[in-house]
Amino acid sequence: MCKEGAYWGTVAGVYVGMEYGVGRIRGTTDWKNAMIGGALTGAVISAATNNDKERIVSDALTGGAIATASVFLNNM
């Protein structure tokens, strides 16, 4: 349980850092920051676990989709 908590805590920390960094670079706060931050987080975490290239792209797309959906659902 501790290992899973540390893993998901790391994922959340990477996502927040990526979303904040993208927002600072773009100079705006909108749903696109979540999409880009989620995609980058998915790719980084997937690459860190030594997955193949197709899996990294798939995880990046999934991360971006989940992050974007959570922003849209949060604003409803």
PDB file of N, CA and C in Angstrom:
ATOM      1  N   MET A   1       0.814  -1.170   0.000  1.00  0.00           N
ATOM      2  CA  MET A   1       0.000   0.000   0.000  1.00  0.00           C
ATOM      3  C   MET A   1       0.870   1.251   0.000  1.00  0.00           C
ATOM      4  N   CYS A   2       1.954   1.224   0.706  1.00  0.00           N
ATOM      5  CA  CYS A   2       2.849   2.378   0.763  1.00  0.00           C
ATOM      6  C   CYS A   2       3.499   2.623  -0.600  1.00  0.00           C
ATOM      7  N   LYS A   3       3.854   1.539  -1.289  1.00  0.00           N
ATOM      8  CA  LYS A   3       4.483   1.660  -2.604  1.00  0.00           C
ATOM      9  C   LYS A   3       3.515   2.278  -3.613  1.00  0.00           C
ATOM     10  N   GLU A   4       2.266   1.842  -3.615  1.00  0.00           N
ATOM     11  CA  GLU A   4       1.260   2.396  -4.518  1.00  0.00           C
ATOM     12  C   GLU A   4       0.997   3.866  -4.200  1.00  0.00           C
ATOM     13  N   GLY A   5       0.937   4.207  -2.930  1.00  0.00           N
ATOM     14  CA  GLY A   5       0.732   5.600  -2.529  1.00  0.00           C
ATOM     15  C   GLY A   5       1.869   6.492  -2.988  1.00  0.00           C
ATOM     16  N   ALA A   6       3.080   5.998  -2.859  1.00  0.00           N
ATOM     17  CA  ALA A   6       4.236   6.775  -3.308  1.00  0.00           C
ATOM     18  C   ALA A   6       4.222   6.929  -4.826  1.00  0.00           C
ATOM     19  N   TYR A   7       3.817   5.885  -5.536  1.00  0.00           N
ATOM     20  CA  TYR A   7       3.750   5.952  -7.001  1.00  0.00           C
ATOM     21  C   TYR A   7       2.734   7.003  -7.443  1.00  0.00           C
ATOM     22  N   TRP A   8       1.509   6.920  -6.928  1.00  0.00           N
ATOM     23  CA  TRP A   8       0.473   7.864  -7.347  1.00  0.00           C
ATOM     24  C   TRP A   8       0.754   9.275  -6.841  1.00  0.00           C
ATOM     25  N   GLY A   9       1.402   9.405  -5.706  1.00  0.00           N
ATOM     26  CA  GLY A   9       1.819  10.728  -5.247  1.00  0.00           C
ATOM     27  C   GLY A   9       2.847  11.344  -6.183  1.00  0.00           C
ATOM     28  N   THR A  10       3.743  10.523  -6.683  1.00  0.00           N
ATOM     29  CA  THR A  10       4.734  11.002  -7.655  1.00  0.00           C
ATOM     30  C   THR A  10       4.064  11.416  -8.952  1.00  0.00           C
ATOM     31  N   VAL A  11       3.119  10.621  -9.416  1.00  0.00           N
ATOM     32  CA  VAL A  11       2.388  10.960 -10.639  1.00  0.00           C
ATOM     33  C   VAL A  11       1.659  12.288 -10.459  1.00  0.00           C
ATOM     34  N   ALA A  12       1.004  12.465  -9.333  1.00  0.00           N
ATOM     35  CA  ALA A  12       0.280  13.715  -9.081  1.00  0.00           C
ATOM     36  C   ALA A  12       1.236  14.902  -9.019  1.00  0.00           C
ATOM     37  N   GLY A  13       2.379  14.729  -8.380  1.00  0.00           N
ATOM     38  CA  GLY A  13       3.361  15.804  -8.303  1.00  0.00           C
ATOM     39  C   GLY A  13       3.918  16.189  -9.661  1.00  0.00           C
ATOM     40  N   VAL A  14       4.196  15.188 -10.487  1.00  0.00           N
ATOM     41  CA  VAL A  14       4.692  15.465 -11.839  1.00  0.00           C
ATOM     42  C   VAL A  14       3.624  16.194 -12.644  1.00  0.00           C
ATOM     43  N   TYR A  15       2.377  15.753 -12.524  1.00  0.00           N
ATOM     44  CA  TYR A  15       1.290  16.397 -13.265  1.00  0.00           C
ATOM     45  C   TYR A  15       1.114  17.859 -12.857  1.00  0.00           C
ATOM     46  N   VAL A  16       1.088  18.121 -11.580  1.00  0.00           N
ATOM     47  CA  VAL A  16       0.912  19.501 -11.108  1.00  0.00           C
ATOM     48  C   VAL A  16       2.066  20.373 -11.584  1.00  0.00           C
ATOM     49  N   GLY A  17       3.281  19.858 -11.506  1.00  0.00           N
ATOM     50  CA  GLY A  17       4.443  20.608 -11.977  1.00  0.00           C
ATOM     51  C   GLY A  17       4.387  20.885 -13.469  1.00  0.00           C
ATOM     52  N   MET A  18       3.980  19.884 -14.243  1.00  0.00           N
ATOM     53  CA  MET A  18       3.879  20.055 -15.691  1.00  0.00           C
ATOM     54  C   MET A  18       2.786  21.062 -16.053  1.00  0.00           C
ATOM     55  N   GLU A  19       1.638  20.941 -15.413  1.00  0.00           N
ATOM     56  CA  GLU A  19       0.530  21.854 -15.717  1.00  0.00           C
ATOM     57  C   GLU A  19       0.905  23.291 -15.351  1.00  0.00           C
ATOM     58  N   TYR A  20       1.533  23.468 -14.205  1.00  0.00           N
ATOM     59  CA  TYR A  20       1.960  24.801 -13.789  1.00  0.00           C
ATOM     60  C   TYR A  20       3.014  25.356 -14.748  1.00  0.00           C
ATOM     61  N   GLY A  21       3.981  24.520 -15.112  1.00  0.00           N
ATOM     62  CA  GLY A  21       5.038  24.956 -16.032  1.00  0.00           C
ATOM     63  C   GLY A  21       4.497  25.350 -17.394  1.00  0.00           C
ATOM     64  N   VAL A  22       3.546  24.561 -17.901  1.00  0.00           N
ATOM     65  CA  VAL A  22       2.938  24.881 -19.193  1.00  0.00           C
ATOM     66  C   VAL A  22       2.176  26.199 -19.092  1.00  0.00           C
ATOM     67  N   GLY A  23       1.482  26.401 -17.983  1.00  0.00           N
ATOM     68  CA  GLY A  23       0.757  27.653 -17.789  1.00  0.00           C
ATOM     69  C   GLY A  23       1.680  28.854 -17.734  1.00  0.00           C
ATOM     70  N   ARG A  24       2.814  28.689 -17.093  1.00  0.00           N
ATOM     71  CA  ARG A  24       3.786  29.792 -17.032  1.00  0.00           C
ATOM     72  C   ARG A  24       4.377  30.084 -18.402  1.00  0.00           C
ATOM     73  N   ILE A  25       4.675  29.054 -19.161  1.00  0.00           N
ATOM     74  CA  ILE A  25       5.237  29.244 -20.500  1.00  0.00           C
ATOM     75  C   ILE A  25       4.206  29.884 -21.433  1.00  0.00           C
ATOM     76  N   ARG A  26       2.978  29.385 -21.387  1.00  0.00           N
ATOM     77  CA  ARG A  26       1.936  29.912 -22.266  1.00  0.00           C
ATOM     78  C   ARG A  26       1.400  31.257 -21.794  1.00  0.00           C
ATOM     79  N   GLY A  27       1.510  31.555 -20.513  1.00  0.00           N
ATOM     80  CA  GLY A  27       1.023  32.815 -19.984  1.00  0.00           C
ATOM     81  C   GLY A  27      -0.485  32.880 -19.844  1.00  0.00           C
ATOM     82  N   THR A  28      -1.142  31.734 -19.782  1.00  0.00           N
ATOM     83  CA  THR A  28      -2.588  31.697 -19.649  1.00  0.00           C
ATOM     84  C   THR A  28      -2.998  30.476 -18.827  1.00  0.00           C
ATOM     85  N   THR A  29      -4.225  30.532 -18.317  1.00  0.00           N
ATOM     86  CA  THR A  29      -4.750  29.407 -17.545  1.00  0.00           C
ATOM     87  C   THR A  29      -6.025  28.933 -18.215  1.00  0.00           C
ATOM     88  N   ASP A  30      -5.969  27.772 -18.847  1.00  0.00           N
ATOM     89  CA  ASP A  30      -7.145  27.199 -19.484  1.00  0.00           C
ATOM     90  C   ASP A  30      -7.000  25.683 -19.556  1.00  0.00           C
ATOM     91  N   TRP A  31      -7.946  25.035 -20.221  1.00  0.00           N
ATOM     92  CA  TRP A  31      -7.963  23.584 -20.281  1.00  0.00           C
ATOM     93  C   TRP A  31      -6.794  23.009 -21.066  1.00  0.00           C
ATOM     94  N   LYS A  32      -6.198  23.813 -21.936  1.00  0.00           N
ATOM     95  CA  LYS A  32      -5.076  23.323 -22.736  1.00  0.00           C
ATOM     96  C   LYS A  32      -3.860  23.008 -21.861  1.00  0.00           C
ATOM     97  N   ASN A  33      -3.703  23.737 -20.767  1.00  0.00           N
ATOM     98  CA  ASN A  33      -2.606  23.445 -19.841  1.00  0.00           C
ATOM     99  C   ASN A  33      -2.765  22.045 -19.250  1.00  0.00           C
ATOM    100  N   ALA A  34      -3.996  21.691 -18.895  1.00  0.00           N
ATOM    101  CA  ALA A  34      -4.247  20.353 -18.354  1.00  0.00           C
ATOM    102  C   ALA A  34      -3.981  19.282 -19.405  1.00  0.00           C
ATOM    103  N   MET A  35      -4.401  19.547 -20.641  1.00  0.00           N
ATOM    104  CA  MET A  35      -4.193  18.570 -21.711  1.00  0.00           C
ATOM    105  C   MET A  35      -2.706  18.331 -21.959  1.00  0.00           C
ATOM    106  N   ILE A  36      -1.946  19.409 -22.087  1.00  0.00           N
ATOM    107  CA  ILE A  36      -0.509  19.286 -22.353  1.00  0.00           C
ATOM    108  C   ILE A  36       0.203  18.691 -21.142  1.00  0.00           C
ATOM    109  N   GLY A  37      -0.143  19.165 -19.944  1.00  0.00           N
ATOM    110  CA  GLY A  37       0.470  18.633 -18.727  1.00  0.00           C
ATOM    111  C   GLY A  37       0.179  17.160 -18.534  1.00  0.00           C
ATOM    112  N   GLY A  38      -1.056  16.738 -18.819  1.00  0.00           N
ATOM    113  CA  GLY A  38      -1.414  15.319 -18.711  1.00  0.00           C
ATOM    114  C   GLY A  38      -0.676  14.461 -19.720  1.00  0.00           C
ATOM    115  N   ALA A  39      -0.552  14.973 -20.945  1.00  0.00           N
ATOM    116  CA  ALA A  39       0.166  14.225 -21.972  1.00  0.00           C
ATOM    117  C   ALA A  39       1.645  14.091 -21.621  1.00  0.00           C
ATOM    118  N   LEU A  40       2.247  15.176 -21.172  1.00  0.00           N
ATOM    119  CA  LEU A  40       3.661  15.115 -20.784  1.00  0.00           C
ATOM    120  C   LEU A  40       3.871  14.190 -19.592  1.00  0.00           C
ATOM    121  N   THR A  41       2.972  14.252 -18.632  1.00  0.00           N
ATOM    122  CA  THR A  41       3.086  13.376 -17.467  1.00  0.00           C
ATOM    123  C   THR A  41       2.946  11.914 -17.869  1.00  0.00           C
ATOM    124  N   GLY A  42       1.972  11.615 -18.713  1.00  0.00           N
ATOM    125  CA  GLY A  42       1.803  10.241 -19.182  1.00  0.00           C
ATOM    126  C   GLY A  42       3.041   9.725 -19.890  1.00  0.00           C
ATOM    127  N   ALA A  43       3.639  10.574 -20.716  1.00  0.00           N
ATOM    128  CA  ALA A  43       4.838  10.161 -21.447  1.00  0.00           C
ATOM    129  C   ALA A  43       6.025   9.970 -20.511  1.00  0.00           C
ATOM    130  N   VAL A  44       6.215  10.885 -19.571  1.00  0.00           N
ATOM    131  CA  VAL A  44       7.359  10.794 -18.654  1.00  0.00           C
ATOM    132  C   VAL A  44       7.249   9.570 -17.754  1.00  0.00           C
ATOM    133  N   ILE A  45       6.080   9.360 -17.181  1.00  0.00           N
ATOM    134  CA  ILE A  45       5.898   8.213 -16.283  1.00  0.00           C
ATOM    135  C   ILE A  45       6.025   6.907 -17.062  1.00  0.00           C
ATOM    136  N   SER A  46       5.490   6.861 -18.264  1.00  0.00           N
ATOM    137  CA  SER A  46       5.604   5.656 -19.084  1.00  0.00           C
ATOM    138  C   SER A  46       7.050   5.386 -19.478  1.00  0.00           C
ATOM    139  N   ALA A  47       7.770   6.432 -19.850  1.00  0.00           N
ATOM    140  CA  ALA A  47       9.177   6.255 -20.219  1.00  0.00           C
ATOM    141  C   ALA A  47      10.012   5.831 -19.014  1.00  0.00           C
ATOM    142  N   ALA A  48       9.640   6.312 -17.838  1.00  0.00           N
ATOM    143  CA  ALA A  48      10.392   5.946 -16.626  1.00  0.00           C
ATOM    144  C   ALA A  48      10.219   4.476 -16.267  1.00  0.00           C
ATOM    145  N   THR A  49       9.126   3.882 -16.702  1.00  0.00           N
ATOM    146  CA  THR A  49       8.912   2.457 -16.428  1.00  0.00           C
ATOM    147  C   THR A  49       9.401   1.577 -17.565  1.00  0.00           C
ATOM    148  N   ASN A  50      10.181   2.149 -18.490  1.00  0.00           N
ATOM    149  CA  ASN A  50      10.830   1.416 -19.578  1.00  0.00           C
ATOM    150  C   ASN A  50       9.845   0.726 -20.519  1.00  0.00           C
ATOM    151  N   ASN A  51       8.782   1.420 -20.895  1.00  0.00           N
ATOM    152  CA  ASN A  51       7.835   0.864 -21.873  1.00  0.00           C
ATOM    153  C   ASN A  51       8.338   1.126 -23.290  1.00  0.00           C
ATOM    154  N   ASP A  52       7.766   0.406 -24.246  1.00  0.00           N
ATOM    155  CA  ASP A  52       8.152   0.627 -25.638  1.00  0.00           C
ATOM    156  C   ASP A  52       7.508   1.914 -26.175  1.00  0.00           C
ATOM    157  N   LYS A  53       7.912   2.320 -27.370  1.00  0.00           N
ATOM    158  CA  LYS A  53       7.493   3.612 -27.918  1.00  0.00           C
ATOM    159  C   LYS A  53       5.981   3.703 -28.115  1.00  0.00           C
ATOM    160  N   GLU A  54       5.361   2.639 -28.598  1.00  0.00           N
ATOM    161  CA  GLU A  54       3.923   2.676 -28.815  1.00  0.00           C
ATOM    162  C   GLU A  54       3.180   2.855 -27.496  1.00  0.00           C
ATOM    163  N   ARG A  55       3.661   2.226 -26.458  1.00  0.00           N
ATOM    164  CA  ARG A  55       3.023   2.338 -25.138  1.00  0.00           C
ATOM    165  C   ARG A  55       3.201   3.741 -24.569  1.00  0.00           C
ATOM    166  N   ILE A  56       4.350   4.359 -24.805  1.00  0.00           N
ATOM    167  CA  ILE A  56       4.583   5.718 -24.314  1.00  0.00           C
ATOM    168  C   ILE A  56       3.610   6.686 -24.974  1.00  0.00           C
ATOM    169  N   VAL A  57       3.423   6.559 -26.283  1.00  0.00           N
ATOM    170  CA  VAL A  57       2.477   7.430 -26.994  1.00  0.00           C
ATOM    171  C   VAL A  57       1.056   7.191 -26.494  1.00  0.00           C
ATOM    172  N   SER A  58       0.693   5.941 -26.306  1.00  0.00           N
ATOM    173  CA  SER A  58      -0.639   5.610 -25.806  1.00  0.00           C
ATOM    174  C   SER A  58      -0.866   6.196 -24.414  1.00  0.00           C
ATOM    175  N   ASP A  59       0.129   6.072 -23.541  1.00  0.00           N
ATOM    176  CA  ASP A  59       0.007   6.623 -22.188  1.00  0.00           C
ATOM    177  C   ASP A  59      -0.044   8.144 -22.205  1.00  0.00           C
ATOM    178  N   ALA A  60       0.671   8.774 -23.134  1.00  0.00           N
ATOM    179  CA  ALA A  60       0.618  10.231 -23.252  1.00  0.00           C
ATOM    180  C   ALA A  60      -0.775  10.680 -23.684  1.00  0.00           C
ATOM    181  N   LEU A  61      -1.353  10.000 -24.662  1.00  0.00           N
ATOM    182  CA  LEU A  61      -2.708  10.346 -25.106  1.00  0.00           C
ATOM    183  C   LEU A  61      -3.733  10.114 -24.001  1.00  0.00           C
ATOM    184  N   THR A  62      -3.585   9.025 -23.278  1.00  0.00           N
ATOM    185  CA  THR A  62      -4.498   8.732 -22.182  1.00  0.00           C
ATOM    186  C   THR A  62      -4.385   9.778 -21.072  1.00  0.00           C
ATOM    187  N   GLY A  63      -3.160  10.142 -20.720  1.00  0.00           N
ATOM    188  CA  GLY A  63      -2.962  11.167 -19.688  1.00  0.00           C
ATOM    189  C   GLY A  63      -3.562  12.500 -20.077  1.00  0.00           C
ATOM    190  N   GLY A  64      -3.371  12.898 -21.321  1.00  0.00           N
ATOM    191  CA  GLY A  64      -3.957  14.148 -21.796  1.00  0.00           C
ATOM    192  C   GLY A  64      -5.476  14.110 -21.789  1.00  0.00           C
ATOM    193  N   ALA A  65      -6.048  12.983 -22.201  1.00  0.00           N
ATOM    194  CA  ALA A  65      -7.505  12.852 -22.237  1.00  0.00           C
ATOM    195  C   ALA A  65      -8.110  12.871 -20.843  1.00  0.00           C
ATOM    196  N   ILE A  66      -7.496  12.169 -19.915  1.00  0.00           N
ATOM    197  CA  ILE A  66      -8.019  12.139 -18.545  1.00  0.00           C
ATOM    198  C   ILE A  66      -7.918  13.506 -17.892  1.00  0.00           C
ATOM    199  N   ALA A  67      -6.794  14.190 -18.074  1.00  0.00           N
ATOM    200  CA  ALA A  67      -6.620  15.509 -17.479  1.00  0.00           C
ATOM    201  C   ALA A  67      -7.611  16.515 -18.063  1.00  0.00           C
ATOM    202  N   THR A  68      -7.821  16.465 -19.377  1.00  0.00           N
ATOM    203  CA  THR A  68      -8.758  17.377 -20.021  1.00  0.00           C
ATOM    204  C   THR A  68     -10.192  17.092 -19.561  1.00  0.00           C
ATOM    205  N   ALA A  69     -10.555  15.819 -19.494  1.00  0.00           N
ATOM    206  CA  ALA A  69     -11.891  15.463 -19.031  1.00  0.00           C
ATOM    207  C   ALA A  69     -12.118  15.921 -17.601  1.00  0.00           C
ATOM    208  N   SER A  70     -11.115  15.800 -16.750  1.00  0.00           N
ATOM    209  CA  SER A  70     -11.299  16.218 -15.350  1.00  0.00           C
ATOM    210  C   SER A  70     -11.495  17.721 -15.246  1.00  0.00           C
ATOM    211  N   VAL A  71     -10.839  18.497 -16.092  1.00  0.00           N
ATOM    212  CA  VAL A  71     -11.042  19.952 -16.075  1.00  0.00           C
ATOM    213  C   VAL A  71     -12.439  20.299 -16.539  1.00  0.00           C
ATOM    214  N   PHE A  72     -12.895  19.665 -17.612  1.00  0.00           N
ATOM    215  CA  PHE A  72     -14.242  19.938 -18.125  1.00  0.00           C
ATOM    216  C   PHE A  72     -15.298  19.523 -17.115  1.00  0.00           C
ATOM    217  N   LEU A  73     -15.138  18.364 -16.474  1.00  0.00           N
ATOM    218  CA  LEU A  73     -16.107  17.919 -15.473  1.00  0.00           C
ATOM    219  C   LEU A  73     -16.092  18.819 -14.242  1.00  0.00           C
ATOM    220  N   ASN A  74     -14.912  19.323 -13.893  1.00  0.00           N
ATOM    221  CA  ASN A  74     -14.805  20.209 -12.735  1.00  0.00           C
ATOM    222  C   ASN A  74     -15.484  21.545 -12.977  1.00  0.00           C
ATOM    223  N   ASN A  75     -15.549  21.989 -14.236  1.00  0.00           N
ATOM    224  CA  ASN A  75     -16.150  23.288 -14.560  1.00  0.00           C
ATOM    225  C   ASN A  75     -17.654  23.196 -14.859  1.00  0.00           C
ATOM    226  N   MET A  76     -18.235  22.010 -14.758  1.00  0.00           N
ATOM    227  CA  MET A  76     -19.677  21.866 -15.038  1.00  0.00           C
ATOM    228  C   MET A  76     -20.500  22.368 -13.881  1.00  0.00           C
TER     229      MET A  76
END
